[in-house]
C-alpha atoms as a PDB file:
ATOM      1  CA  UNK A   1     -16.087  21.081 -10.537  1.00  0.00           C
ATOM      2  CA  UNK A   2     -16.794  17.904  -8.620  1.00  0.00           C
ATOM      3  CA  UNK A   3     -15.836  14.567 -10.147  1.00  0.00           C
ATOM      4  CA  UNK A   4     -18.502  11.881 -10.243  1.00  0.00           C
ATOM      5  CA  UNK A   5     -18.330   8.160 -10.960  1.00  0.00           C
ATOM      6  CA  UNK A   6     -19.569   8.522 -14.547  1.00  0.00           C
ATOM      7  CA  UNK A   7     -16.727  10.965 -15.313  1.00  0.00           C
ATOM      8  CA  UNK A   8     -14.212   8.550 -13.829  1.00  0.00           C
ATOM      9  CA  UNK A   9     -15.488   5.627 -15.868  1.00  0.00           C
ATOM     10  CA  UNK A  10     -15.480   7.596 -19.135  1.00  0.00           C
ATOM     11  CA  UNK A  11     -12.048   9.234 -18.751  1.00  0.00           C
ATOM     12  CA  UNK A  12      -9.126   6.838 -18.915  1.00  0.00           C
ATOM     13  CA  UNK A  13      -5.387   7.240 -19.290  1.00  0.00           C
ATOM     14  CA  UNK A  14      -2.983   5.644 -21.725  1.00  0.00           C
ATOM     15  CA  UNK A  15      -3.302   2.177 -20.200  1.00  0.00           C
ATOM     16  CA  UNK A  16      -7.081   2.344 -19.835  1.00  0.00           C
ATOM     17  CA  UNK A  17      -6.787   3.134 -16.133  1.00  0.00           C
ATOM     18  CA  UNK A  18      -8.114   6.329 -14.560  1.00  0.00           C
ATOM     19  CA  UNK A  19      -6.102   7.327 -11.510  1.00  0.00           C
ATOM     20  CA  UNK A  20      -7.368  10.297  -9.534  1.00  0.00           C
ATOM     21  CA  UNK A  21      -6.055  12.542  -6.786  1.00  0.00           C
ATOM     22  CA  UNK A  22      -6.860  11.984  -3.135  1.00  0.00           C
ATOM     23  CA  UNK A  23      -9.327  14.879  -3.281  1.00  0.00           C
ATOM     24  CA  UNK A  24     -11.247  13.440  -6.216  1.00  0.00           C
ATOM     25  CA  UNK A  25     -11.245   9.933  -4.714  1.00  0.00           C
ATOM     26  CA  UNK A  26     -12.421  11.331  -1.367  1.00  0.00           C
ATOM     27  CA  UNK A  27     -15.329  13.127  -3.017  1.00  0.00           C
ATOM     28  CA  UNK A  28     -16.458  10.094  -5.003  1.00  0.00           C
ATOM     29  CA  UNK A  29     -16.080   7.564  -2.164  1.00  0.00           C
ATOM     30  CA  UNK A  30     -17.190   9.844   0.672  1.00  0.00           C
ATOM     31  CA  UNK A  31     -14.117   9.221   2.841  1.00  0.00           C
ATOM     32  CA  UNK A  32     -11.201  11.381   3.964  1.00  0.00           C
ATOM     33  CA  UNK A  33      -7.691  11.270   2.456  1.00  0.00           C
ATOM     34  CA  UNK A  34      -6.323   9.526   5.557  1.00  0.00           C
ATOM     35  CA  UNK A  35      -8.804   6.665   5.027  1.00  0.00           C
ATOM     36  CA  UNK A  36      -7.648   6.355   1.412  1.00  0.00           C
ATOM     37  CA  UNK A  37      -4.021   6.049   2.541  1.00  0.00           C
ATOM     38  CA  UNK A  38      -4.996   3.381   5.060  1.00  0.00           C
ATOM     39  CA  UNK A  39      -6.984   1.466   2.441  1.00  0.00           C
ATOM     40  CA  UNK A  40      -4.042   1.659   0.006  1.00  0.00           C
ATOM     41  CA  UNK A  41      -1.626   0.438   2.675  1.00  0.00           C
ATOM     42  CA  UNK A  42      -3.934  -2.513   3.403  1.00  0.00           C
ATOM     43  CA  UNK A  43      -4.501  -3.310  -0.297  1.00  0.00           C
ATOM     44  CA  UNK A  44      -8.160  -2.302  -0.256  1.00  0.00           C
ATOM     45  CA  UNK A  45      -7.687   0.261  -3.079  1.00  0.00           C
ATOM     46  CA  UNK A  46      -5.000   0.414  -5.774  1.00  0.00           C
ATOM     47  CA  UNK A  47      -2.726   3.431  -5.713  1.00  0.00           C
ATOM     48  CA  UNK A  48       0.524   4.784  -7.055  1.00  0.00           C
ATOM     49  CA  UNK A  49       2.831   7.515  -5.868  1.00  0.00           C
ATOM     50  CA  UNK A  50       3.802  10.144  -8.425  1.00  0.00           C
ATOM     51  CA  UNK A  51       7.342  11.443  -8.861  1.00  0.00           C
ATOM     52  CA  UNK A  52       6.199  14.502  -6.936  1.00  0.00           C
ATOM     53  CA  UNK A  53       5.163  12.335  -3.973  1.00  0.00           C
ATOM     54  CA  UNK A  54       1.406  12.615  -4.436  1.00  0.00           C
ATOM     55  CA  UNK A  55      -0.867   9.581  -4.385  1.00  0.00           C
ATOM     56  CA  UNK A  56      -3.249   8.641  -7.180  1.00  0.00           C
ATOM     57  CA  UNK A  57      -6.071   6.148  -6.658  1.00  0.00           C
ATOM     58  CA  UNK A  58      -7.973   3.754  -8.942  1.00  0.00           C
ATOM     59  CA  UNK A  59     -11.526   4.483  -7.780  1.00  0.00           C
ATOM     60  CA  UNK A  60     -13.287   2.664 -10.626  1.00  0.00           C
ATOM     61  CA  UNK A  61     -11.495  -0.620  -9.829  1.00  0.00           C
ATOM     62  CA  UNK A  62     -12.378  -0.242  -6.138  1.00  0.00           C
ATOM     63  CA  UNK A  63     -16.062   0.329  -6.873  1.00  0.00           C
ATOM     64  CA  UNK A  64     -16.118  -2.532  -9.382  1.00  0.00           C
ATOM     65  CA  UNK A  65     -14.694  -4.935  -6.793  1.00  0.00           C
ATOM     66  CA  UNK A  66     -17.200  -3.768  -4.187  1.00  0.00           C
ATOM     67  CA  UNK A  67     -20.139  -4.459  -6.512  1.00  0.00           C
ATOM     68  CA  UNK A  68     -19.089  -8.080  -7.053  1.00  0.00           C
ATOM     69  CA  UNK A  69     -20.297 -10.360  -4.232  1.00  0.00           C
ATOM     70  CA  UNK A  70     -17.553 -12.381  -2.515  1.00  0.00           C
ATOM     71  CA  UNK A  71     -17.142 -15.956  -3.676  1.00  0.00           C
ATOM     72  CA  UNK A  72     -17.751 -18.904  -1.401  1.00  0.00           C
ATOM     73  CA  UNK A  73     -20.571 -17.308   0.566  1.00  0.00           C
END
């Protein structure tokens, strides 16, 4: 089953944040896992590393920031 943006926005964890695997984030954003790691390293997308060493990404926050026009333009 493929995750879509609506599913991500409706399903939230304990803190109200929905973190998804690299595969789910890649499907929703249309980029590869390597791009996600680069974006996370550069602060473009929020991520955490699980105890097992896997990354989880906050796709909803990323999309929300992208839909807000930059200030001062």
